[in-house]
N, C-alpha and C. Protein backbone atom coordinates (compact mmCIF):
# COMPACT_ATOMS: atom_id res chain seq x y z
N MET A 1 31.28 0.11 -36.20
CA MET A 1 30.23 0.86 -35.87
C MET A 1 28.86 0.73 -35.62
N LYS A 2 28.62 -0.65 -36.51
CA LYS A 2 27.23 -1.63 -36.35
C LYS A 2 26.93 -1.98 -34.72
N TRP A 3 27.69 -2.62 -34.22
CA TRP A 3 28.11 -3.42 -33.25
C TRP A 3 28.38 -2.28 -31.93
N ASP A 4 28.50 -1.01 -32.33
CA ASP A 4 28.59 -0.16 -30.84
C ASP A 4 27.45 0.00 -30.27
N TRP A 5 26.16 -0.18 -30.80
CA TRP A 5 25.29 0.49 -29.74
C TRP A 5 24.94 -1.47 -28.88
N ARG A 6 24.98 -2.06 -29.74
CA ARG A 6 24.59 -3.38 -28.63
C ARG A 6 25.69 -3.58 -27.79
N ARG A 7 27.19 -3.22 -27.59
CA ARG A 7 28.01 -3.43 -26.76
C ARG A 7 27.55 -2.53 -26.00
N ALA A 8 27.52 -1.35 -26.38
CA ALA A 8 27.11 -0.15 -25.24
C ALA A 8 25.71 -1.15 -24.57
N ALA A 9 24.94 -1.71 -25.00
CA ALA A 9 23.19 -2.09 -24.30
C ALA A 9 23.82 -3.03 -23.15
N SER A 10 25.23 -3.96 -23.57
CA SER A 10 25.69 -5.26 -23.19
C SER A 10 26.05 -4.68 -21.74
N HIS A 11 26.98 -3.46 -21.90
CA HIS A 11 27.95 -3.70 -20.65
C HIS A 11 26.74 -2.36 -19.79
N ALA A 12 25.60 -1.49 -20.33
CA ALA A 12 24.75 -1.46 -19.26
C ALA A 12 23.75 -2.44 -18.71
N ILE A 13 23.38 -3.28 -19.50
CA ILE A 13 23.00 -4.63 -18.76
C ILE A 13 23.49 -5.26 -17.66
N PHE A 14 24.66 -5.46 -18.19
CA PHE A 14 25.49 -6.36 -17.29
C PHE A 14 26.45 -5.80 -16.05
N ARG A 15 26.04 -4.31 -16.05
CA ARG A 15 27.16 -3.32 -15.52
C ARG A 15 26.42 -3.23 -14.10
N ILE A 16 27.28 -3.37 -12.75
CA ILE A 16 26.45 -3.95 -11.67
C ILE A 16 26.71 -2.49 -10.69
N ASP A 17 25.75 -2.62 -10.47
CA ASP A 17 25.87 -0.70 -9.63
C ASP A 17 25.71 -1.35 -8.36
N TYR A 18 26.43 -1.27 -7.67
CA TYR A 18 26.17 -1.59 -6.40
C TYR A 18 25.21 -0.51 -5.31
N ARG A 19 25.50 0.73 -5.85
CA ARG A 19 24.18 1.51 -5.00
C ARG A 19 23.00 1.02 -4.95
N ASN A 20 22.74 1.05 -6.58
CA ASN A 20 20.94 0.19 -6.34
C ASN A 20 20.95 -1.15 -5.65
N ILE A 21 22.14 -2.04 -6.07
CA ILE A 21 21.83 -3.02 -5.27
C ILE A 21 21.25 -2.48 -3.58
N LEU A 22 22.30 -1.91 -3.18
CA LEU A 22 22.23 -1.25 -1.52
C LEU A 22 20.78 -0.97 -1.22
N ALA A 23 20.28 -0.05 -2.63
CA ALA A 23 19.27 0.54 -1.90
C ALA A 23 18.08 -0.76 -1.85
N GLY A 24 17.97 -1.27 -3.23
CA GLY A 24 17.27 -2.39 -3.24
C GLY A 24 16.91 -3.72 -2.23
N ALA A 25 17.95 -3.85 -1.28
CA ALA A 25 18.30 -4.47 0.12
C ALA A 25 17.98 -3.84 0.83
N VAL A 26 18.34 -2.47 1.24
CA VAL A 26 17.25 -1.93 2.16
C VAL A 26 15.87 -1.95 2.36
N ALA A 27 15.40 -1.09 1.29
CA ALA A 27 14.19 -1.39 1.10
C ALA A 27 13.75 -2.67 0.76
N GLY A 28 14.00 -3.71 1.07
CA GLY A 28 13.83 -5.20 1.41
C GLY A 28 13.54 -5.81 2.61
N LEU A 29 14.49 -4.87 2.84
CA LEU A 29 14.56 -5.30 4.45
C LEU A 29 13.77 -4.18 5.28
N GLY A 30 13.14 -3.01 4.43
CA GLY A 30 12.56 -2.48 5.65
C GLY A 30 11.07 -3.42 5.25
N GLY A 31 10.76 -3.56 3.77
CA GLY A 31 9.57 -4.15 4.05
C GLY A 31 8.98 -5.57 4.45
N ALA A 32 10.52 -6.47 4.68
CA ALA A 32 10.03 -7.55 5.42
C ALA A 32 9.53 -7.27 6.92
N ILE A 33 10.57 -6.19 7.51
CA ILE A 33 10.29 -5.94 8.97
C ILE A 33 9.08 -5.25 8.93
N ALA A 34 8.04 -4.58 8.20
CA ALA A 34 6.98 -4.05 8.00
C ALA A 34 5.66 -5.47 7.46
N ILE A 35 6.09 -6.29 7.05
CA ILE A 35 5.35 -7.92 6.76
C ILE A 35 5.07 -8.37 8.52
N GLY A 36 6.67 -8.69 8.58
CA GLY A 36 6.22 -9.24 10.10
C GLY A 36 5.77 -7.94 11.12
N ALA A 37 5.50 -7.32 10.87
CA ALA A 37 4.82 -6.39 11.90
C ALA A 37 3.62 -6.36 11.68
N MET A 38 2.89 -6.46 10.37
CA MET A 38 1.37 -6.54 10.34
C MET A 38 1.31 -8.05 10.79
N GLU A 39 2.00 -9.20 10.27
CA GLU A 39 1.98 -10.11 10.88
C GLU A 39 1.35 -10.05 12.22
N TRP A 40 2.33 -9.62 12.96
CA TRP A 40 2.35 -9.77 14.34
C TRP A 40 0.57 -8.87 15.20
N PHE A 41 0.54 -7.75 14.29
CA PHE A 41 -0.87 -7.16 14.14
C PHE A 41 -2.04 -8.46 13.86
N SER A 42 -1.63 -8.49 12.84
CA SER A 42 -3.00 -9.57 12.48
C SER A 42 -3.24 -10.95 13.32
N VAL A 43 -2.41 -11.30 14.55
CA VAL A 43 -2.55 -13.01 15.25
C VAL A 43 -3.35 -11.75 16.68
N ALA A 44 -2.24 -10.57 16.88
CA ALA A 44 -3.45 -9.68 17.69
C ALA A 44 -4.28 -9.41 17.84
N ALA A 45 -4.62 -9.16 16.63
CA ALA A 45 -6.44 -8.18 16.40
C ALA A 45 -7.49 -9.90 15.94
N HIS A 46 -6.82 -10.59 15.47
CA HIS A 46 -7.65 -11.78 15.79
C HIS A 46 -8.36 -11.56 14.03
N TYR A 47 -7.26 -11.27 13.45
CA TYR A 47 -8.00 -11.16 11.48
C TYR A 47 -6.73 -11.93 11.14
N PRO A 48 -7.34 -13.37 10.14
CA PRO A 48 -6.58 -13.85 9.49
C PRO A 48 -5.52 -12.76 8.78
N LEU A 49 -4.58 -13.09 8.19
CA LEU A 49 -3.40 -12.47 7.81
C LEU A 49 -3.81 -11.66 6.35
N PHE A 50 -4.60 -12.58 5.56
CA PHE A 50 -5.35 -11.98 4.30
C PHE A 50 -6.26 -11.19 4.29
N VAL A 51 -7.45 -10.99 5.14
CA VAL A 51 -7.82 -9.24 5.67
C VAL A 51 -7.17 -8.47 5.89
N ILE A 52 -5.91 -8.32 5.85
CA ILE A 52 -5.00 -7.13 6.41
C ILE A 52 -4.29 -6.79 5.11
N PRO A 53 -4.84 -5.82 4.59
CA PRO A 53 -4.70 -4.52 2.87
C PRO A 53 -3.26 -4.57 3.06
N PHE A 54 -1.86 -4.45 3.59
CA PHE A 54 -1.15 -3.93 3.79
C PHE A 54 0.32 -4.00 2.57
N ALA A 55 -0.05 -5.22 2.94
CA ALA A 55 1.52 -5.63 1.62
C ALA A 55 1.55 -4.97 0.42
N THR A 56 0.85 -4.56 -0.22
CA THR A 56 1.22 -4.00 -1.38
C THR A 56 1.48 -2.76 -1.23
N SER A 57 1.03 -2.08 -0.01
CA SER A 57 1.10 -0.19 0.35
C SER A 57 2.34 0.07 0.98
N ILE A 58 2.90 -1.25 1.55
CA ILE A 58 4.24 -1.22 2.31
C ILE A 58 5.00 -1.16 1.02
N VAL A 59 5.07 -2.38 0.19
CA VAL A 59 6.06 -2.30 -1.08
C VAL A 59 6.42 -0.60 -1.78
N LEU A 60 5.01 -0.08 -1.57
CA LEU A 60 4.91 1.04 -2.43
C LEU A 60 6.13 2.40 -1.23
N VAL A 61 5.29 2.36 -0.66
CA VAL A 61 5.48 3.06 0.40
C VAL A 61 7.23 3.18 0.68
N ILE A 62 7.92 1.64 0.84
CA ILE A 62 9.31 1.51 1.11
C ILE A 62 10.01 1.74 -0.45
N GLY A 63 9.40 1.24 -1.31
CA GLY A 63 10.43 1.04 -2.62
C GLY A 63 10.44 2.11 -3.54
N SER A 64 8.80 3.06 -3.08
CA SER A 64 8.77 4.08 -4.06
C SER A 64 8.14 5.19 -4.02
N PRO A 65 9.53 5.73 -2.55
CA PRO A 65 8.50 6.89 -1.37
C PRO A 65 8.01 7.82 -2.69
N GLU A 66 9.08 8.24 -3.22
CA GLU A 66 8.64 10.09 -3.92
C GLU A 66 7.28 10.02 -4.90
N ALA A 67 6.32 8.59 -5.01
CA ALA A 67 5.16 8.06 -5.36
C ALA A 67 4.19 9.25 -5.12
N GLU A 68 3.43 9.68 -6.10
CA GLU A 68 2.42 10.39 -5.34
C GLU A 68 1.58 9.52 -4.64
N PRO A 69 0.97 8.08 -5.04
CA PRO A 69 0.49 7.48 -4.08
C PRO A 69 0.63 7.12 -2.90
N ALA A 70 2.16 7.04 -2.67
CA ALA A 70 2.72 6.59 -1.48
C ALA A 70 2.86 8.14 -0.43
N GLN A 71 2.39 9.03 -1.02
CA GLN A 71 2.40 9.80 0.62
C GLN A 71 0.98 9.95 1.24
N PRO A 72 1.07 9.94 2.95
CA PRO A 72 0.05 9.98 3.59
C PRO A 72 -0.83 9.85 3.28
N ARG A 73 -1.16 11.34 2.42
CA ARG A 73 -3.09 11.58 2.59
C ARG A 73 -3.14 10.51 1.38
N ALA A 74 -2.54 9.81 0.15
CA ALA A 74 -3.00 8.26 -0.58
C ALA A 74 -2.91 7.68 0.37
N LEU A 75 -1.69 7.17 1.19
CA LEU A 75 -2.02 6.12 1.92
C LEU A 75 -2.95 6.15 2.97
N ILE A 76 -3.00 6.43 3.82
CA ILE A 76 -3.91 6.62 4.91
C ILE A 76 -5.51 7.57 4.04
N GLY A 77 -5.94 8.19 3.62
CA GLY A 77 -6.92 8.27 2.94
C GLY A 77 -7.74 7.26 1.76
N GLY A 78 -6.61 6.45 1.21
CA GLY A 78 -6.92 5.72 0.25
C GLY A 78 -7.75 4.35 0.76
N HIS A 79 -7.05 3.78 2.17
CA HIS A 79 -7.51 2.98 2.46
C HIS A 79 -9.24 3.41 3.18
N LEU A 80 -8.66 4.36 4.13
CA LEU A 80 -10.21 4.80 4.82
C LEU A 80 -11.42 5.37 3.60
N VAL A 81 -11.35 5.82 2.81
CA VAL A 81 -12.30 6.16 1.85
C VAL A 81 -12.53 4.44 1.14
N THR A 82 -11.84 3.74 0.82
CA THR A 82 -12.31 2.43 -0.32
C THR A 82 -12.64 1.66 1.11
N THR A 83 -12.51 1.70 2.06
CA THR A 83 -12.51 0.87 3.26
C THR A 83 -14.43 1.69 3.60
N LEU A 84 -14.76 2.69 3.53
CA LEU A 84 -16.10 3.13 4.07
C LEU A 84 -16.79 2.76 2.75
N VAL A 85 -15.94 3.05 1.52
CA VAL A 85 -17.23 2.77 0.00
C VAL A 85 -17.44 1.18 0.26
N GLY A 86 -16.72 0.05 0.66
CA GLY A 86 -17.09 -1.28 0.73
C GLY A 86 -18.00 -1.70 1.62
N LEU A 87 -17.84 -1.15 3.11
CA LEU A 87 -19.31 -1.21 4.12
C LEU A 87 -20.19 -0.50 3.71
N ALA A 88 -20.07 1.04 2.81
CA ALA A 88 -21.61 1.56 1.94
C ALA A 88 -22.46 0.48 1.30
N VAL A 89 -21.31 -0.31 0.42
CA VAL A 89 -21.92 -0.96 -0.23
C VAL A 89 -22.36 -2.51 0.30
N LEU A 90 -21.86 -3.02 1.31
CA LEU A 90 -22.42 -4.08 1.72
C LEU A 90 -23.51 -3.50 1.70
N LYS A 91 -23.33 -2.63 2.87
CA LYS A 91 -24.71 -2.49 3.98
C LYS A 91 -25.90 -2.30 3.24
N LEU A 92 -25.94 -1.71 1.84
CA LEU A 92 -26.93 -1.54 0.77
C LEU A 92 -27.04 -2.76 0.21
N THR A 93 -26.02 -3.99 0.17
CA THR A 93 -26.53 -4.90 -1.31
C THR A 93 -26.20 -6.13 -0.56
N GLY A 94 -25.56 -6.30 0.51
CA GLY A 94 -25.19 -7.18 1.40
C GLY A 94 -23.69 -7.90 0.56
N PRO A 95 -23.49 -9.19 0.76
CA PRO A 95 -22.38 -9.64 0.15
C PRO A 95 -22.28 -10.54 -1.23
N GLN A 96 -22.45 -9.86 -1.88
CA GLN A 96 -22.71 -10.11 -3.54
C GLN A 96 -21.97 -10.16 -4.44
N PRO A 97 -21.30 -11.28 -5.17
CA PRO A 97 -20.28 -11.10 -5.97
C PRO A 97 -19.89 -9.42 -6.68
N TRP A 98 -21.55 -9.31 -7.18
CA TRP A 98 -21.26 -8.66 -7.92
C TRP A 98 -21.24 -7.21 -7.12
N ALA A 99 -21.87 -6.99 -6.06
CA ALA A 99 -21.68 -6.16 -5.15
C ALA A 99 -20.08 -5.65 -4.88
N ALA A 100 -19.59 -6.42 -4.89
CA ALA A 100 -18.09 -6.47 -4.73
C ALA A 100 -16.71 -5.54 -5.59
N ALA A 101 -17.73 -5.96 -7.05
CA ALA A 101 -17.33 -5.70 -8.29
C ALA A 101 -17.67 -4.37 -8.77
N ALA A 102 -18.52 -3.85 -7.60
CA ALA A 102 -19.68 -2.56 -8.05
C ALA A 102 -18.31 -1.56 -7.10
N ALA A 103 -18.09 -2.37 -6.11
CA ALA A 103 -17.68 -1.54 -4.49
C ALA A 103 -16.01 -1.02 -5.04
N VAL A 104 -15.17 -1.95 -5.72
CA VAL A 104 -14.07 -1.97 -6.23
C VAL A 104 -14.23 -0.36 -7.23
N GLY A 105 -15.42 -0.41 -8.61
CA GLY A 105 -15.30 0.41 -9.25
C GLY A 105 -15.92 1.92 -8.28
N LEU A 106 -16.15 1.77 -7.61
CA LEU A 106 -17.03 2.95 -6.94
C LEU A 106 -15.90 3.25 -6.27
N SER A 107 -15.00 2.58 -5.54
CA SER A 107 -13.75 2.92 -4.72
C SER A 107 -12.83 3.82 -5.45
N ILE A 108 -12.52 3.17 -6.67
CA ILE A 108 -11.70 4.11 -7.49
C ILE A 108 -12.32 5.41 -7.80
N LEU A 109 -13.51 5.41 -8.08
CA LEU A 109 -14.32 6.85 -8.31
C LEU A 109 -13.75 7.63 -6.90
N ALA A 110 -14.26 7.13 -5.84
CA ALA A 110 -13.86 7.84 -4.77
C ALA A 110 -12.24 8.18 -4.06
N MET A 111 -11.69 7.07 -4.43
CA MET A 111 -10.24 8.17 -4.26
C MET A 111 -10.12 9.53 -5.39
N TYR A 112 -10.46 8.72 -6.49
CA TYR A 112 -10.16 10.14 -7.76
C TYR A 112 -10.85 11.44 -7.17
N LEU A 113 -12.17 11.44 -6.58
CA LEU A 113 -12.79 12.97 -6.30
C LEU A 113 -11.93 13.08 -4.82
N THR A 114 -11.87 12.61 -3.59
CA THR A 114 -10.68 12.69 -2.47
C THR A 114 -9.06 12.99 -2.88
N ARG A 115 -8.76 12.94 -3.68
CA ARG A 115 -7.88 12.54 -4.20
C ARG A 115 -6.53 12.06 -3.16
N THR A 116 -7.46 10.62 -3.20
CA THR A 116 -6.58 10.01 -2.24
C THR A 116 -6.21 8.50 -2.96
N PHE A 117 -5.51 9.00 -4.22
CA PHE A 117 -5.37 7.63 -5.49
C PHE A 117 -4.70 6.88 -4.85
N HIS A 118 -4.88 5.93 -3.93
CA HIS A 118 -3.21 4.84 -3.44
C HIS A 118 -4.14 3.18 -3.98
N PRO A 119 -3.56 3.06 -5.11
CA PRO A 119 -3.67 1.53 -5.75
C PRO A 119 -4.19 0.52 -4.67
N PRO A 120 -3.21 0.13 -4.04
CA PRO A 120 -3.27 -0.85 -3.55
C PRO A 120 -4.64 -0.91 -2.42
N ALA A 121 -5.04 0.23 -2.10
CA ALA A 121 -6.52 0.30 -1.42
C ALA A 121 -7.78 0.05 -1.70
N GLY A 122 -7.29 -0.57 -3.07
CA GLY A 122 -8.47 -0.93 -4.36
C GLY A 122 -8.89 -2.43 -3.65
N ILE A 123 -8.41 -2.90 -3.13
CA ILE A 123 -8.53 -4.18 -2.67
C ILE A 123 -9.58 -4.50 -0.89
N ASN A 124 -9.64 -3.46 -0.33
CA ASN A 124 -10.19 -3.04 0.84
C ASN A 124 -11.73 -3.28 0.66
N PRO A 125 -12.20 -2.71 -0.64
CA PRO A 125 -14.12 -3.09 -0.91
C PRO A 125 -14.08 -4.62 -1.01
N LEU A 126 -13.47 -4.90 -2.11
CA LEU A 126 -13.30 -6.72 -2.39
C LEU A 126 -13.53 -7.56 -0.96
N LEU A 127 -12.50 -6.93 -0.05
CA LEU A 127 -12.14 -7.51 1.42
C LEU A 127 -13.79 -7.67 1.87
N VAL A 128 -14.03 -6.09 2.23
CA VAL A 128 -15.11 -5.87 2.76
C VAL A 128 -16.52 -6.57 2.70
N VAL A 129 -16.88 -6.42 0.73
CA VAL A 129 -17.94 -7.08 0.58
C VAL A 129 -17.87 -8.55 0.92
N SER A 130 -16.86 -9.03 0.02
CA SER A 130 -16.85 -10.83 -0.36
C SER A 130 -16.43 -11.38 1.03
N ASN A 131 -16.20 -10.65 2.14
CA ASN A 131 -16.05 -11.42 3.49
C ASN A 131 -16.86 -11.03 4.50
N ASN A 132 -18.08 -9.85 4.43
CA ASN A 132 -18.71 -9.48 5.32
C ASN A 132 -18.65 -9.08 6.54
N LEU A 133 -17.51 -8.13 6.60
CA LEU A 133 -16.98 -7.50 7.31
C LEU A 133 -17.94 -6.61 7.81
N PRO A 134 -17.41 -6.43 9.38
CA PRO A 134 -17.61 -5.14 9.81
C PRO A 134 -17.53 -4.12 10.28
N TRP A 135 -18.36 -3.18 10.42
CA TRP A 135 -17.61 -2.08 10.17
C TRP A 135 -16.46 -1.59 11.49
N SER A 136 -16.34 -2.47 12.16
CA SER A 136 -14.69 -2.27 13.39
C SER A 136 -13.57 -2.43 11.87
N PHE A 137 -14.09 -3.02 11.14
CA PHE A 137 -12.86 -3.18 10.34
C PHE A 137 -11.97 -1.94 9.93
N LEU A 138 -12.75 -0.88 9.67
CA LEU A 138 -12.72 0.40 9.40
C LEU A 138 -11.65 0.96 10.51
N LEU A 139 -11.97 0.47 11.94
CA LEU A 139 -10.91 1.02 12.56
C LEU A 139 -9.66 0.56 12.68
N ALA A 140 -9.85 -1.14 12.97
CA ALA A 140 -8.87 -2.18 12.95
C ALA A 140 -9.32 -3.46 12.34
N PRO A 141 -8.61 -3.47 11.28
CA PRO A 141 -6.99 -2.85 11.16
C PRO A 141 -6.54 -1.86 10.03
N VAL A 142 -8.01 -1.35 9.99
CA VAL A 142 -7.33 -0.11 8.32
C VAL A 142 -6.97 1.31 8.64
N LEU A 143 -7.85 1.82 9.58
CA LEU A 143 -7.27 3.22 10.10
C LEU A 143 -6.01 2.89 11.30
N ALA A 144 -6.00 1.83 11.98
CA ALA A 144 -5.12 1.77 12.87
C ALA A 144 -3.75 1.33 11.93
N GLY A 145 -3.98 0.21 11.04
CA GLY A 145 -3.14 0.40 10.30
C GLY A 145 -2.35 1.07 9.23
N ALA A 146 -3.26 1.63 8.85
CA ALA A 146 -2.90 3.18 8.04
C ALA A 146 -1.86 3.79 8.50
N LEU A 147 -2.07 4.26 9.67
CA LEU A 147 -1.07 5.30 10.69
C LEU A 147 -0.13 4.28 10.69
N LEU A 148 0.33 3.55 10.83
CA LEU A 148 1.07 2.55 11.62
C LEU A 148 2.17 2.43 10.40
N LEU A 149 1.45 2.16 9.21
CA LEU A 149 2.40 2.22 8.44
C LEU A 149 3.49 3.82 7.73
N ALA A 150 2.24 4.52 8.13
CA ALA A 150 2.82 5.78 7.57
C ALA A 150 3.60 6.15 8.81
N ALA A 151 3.39 6.06 9.96
CA ALA A 151 4.71 6.03 11.13
C ALA A 151 5.73 5.34 10.40
N PHE A 152 6.00 3.90 10.60
CA PHE A 152 6.83 3.28 10.25
C PHE A 152 7.54 3.72 8.91
N ALA A 153 6.98 4.20 8.12
CA ALA A 153 7.78 4.57 6.82
C ALA A 153 8.23 6.08 7.11
N TYR A 154 7.91 6.71 7.74
CA TYR A 154 8.46 8.10 8.67
C TYR A 154 9.96 7.94 9.41
N VAL A 155 9.08 7.07 10.09
CA VAL A 155 10.94 6.55 10.75
C VAL A 155 12.28 5.73 10.31
N TRP A 156 11.24 4.85 9.02
CA TRP A 156 12.75 4.24 8.07
C TRP A 156 13.21 4.98 7.08
N HIS A 157 12.11 6.26 6.36
CA HIS A 157 12.91 6.91 5.31
C HIS A 157 14.19 8.07 6.51
N HIS A 158 13.66 8.47 7.38
CA HIS A 158 14.33 9.59 7.98
C HIS A 158 15.02 9.30 8.94
N TRP A 159 15.16 7.84 9.65
CA TRP A 159 16.35 7.51 10.89
C TRP A 159 17.29 6.38 9.85
N LEU A 160 16.59 5.60 9.26
CA LEU A 160 17.72 4.75 8.64
C LEU A 160 18.13 4.54 7.34
N ARG A 161 17.27 5.12 6.17
CA ARG A 161 17.61 5.73 5.20
C ARG A 161 17.77 7.21 5.46
N ARG A 162 17.92 8.17 5.99
CA ARG A 162 18.14 9.78 6.22
C ARG A 162 17.98 10.15 4.76
N GLN A 163 16.52 9.82 4.64
CA GLN A 163 15.96 10.58 3.30
C GLN A 163 14.57 11.31 3.42
N SER A 164 14.51 12.36 2.92
CA SER A 164 13.29 13.10 3.28
C SER A 164 11.87 11.83 2.77
N TRP A 165 10.95 12.18 3.98
CA TRP A 165 9.69 11.39 3.30
C TRP A 165 8.36 11.75 4.77
N PRO A 166 7.31 12.21 3.87
CA PRO A 166 6.87 12.45 3.09
C PRO A 166 7.04 13.76 2.09
N ARG A 167 6.80 13.61 0.74
CA ARG A 167 6.85 14.80 0.45
C ARG A 167 6.12 16.26 0.72
N ARG A 168 4.99 15.73 1.23
CA ARG A 168 4.13 16.58 1.58
C ARG A 168 3.09 15.63 2.73
N TRP A 169 2.35 16.32 3.75
CA TRP A 169 1.30 16.01 4.83
C TRP A 169 -0.04 15.58 3.86
N LEU A 170 -0.49 16.87 3.29
CA LEU A 170 -1.88 16.66 3.39
C LEU A 170 -2.28 16.64 1.11
């Protein structure tokens, strides 16, 4: 009797769930395609890839599409709000390390207040302040990238996975 729970745990751990493996492979393919598109956009926009803040957003939107931060309001709004906060802090303080940290903290507050909480967007103010990025960064790559990522996620989930996304737009 004592060994029953261990045997059950062993079977649960080592059981191969082909449906989950397939879902993971499909999500991985979607993420790879989106990252490839992001790399192309990086070259076309003449921004180094490390300055384009969407890799973790892609993982979230493709891998956990039902999560609240993966919904379009949070995805697009979170990136816009945090970038705006970063640009405002940069304008007020200049590119100081303490200002970058403050901008990230203020961005978290701003996302909560605007109901656009998207954790991957937390990198935006750090990038903006640390790299002294111009206001044009808000439009490209941030707004353009967030809109393209939302469009990609919509197509990916509806056409390829045949699942509903998003749960709601706003």
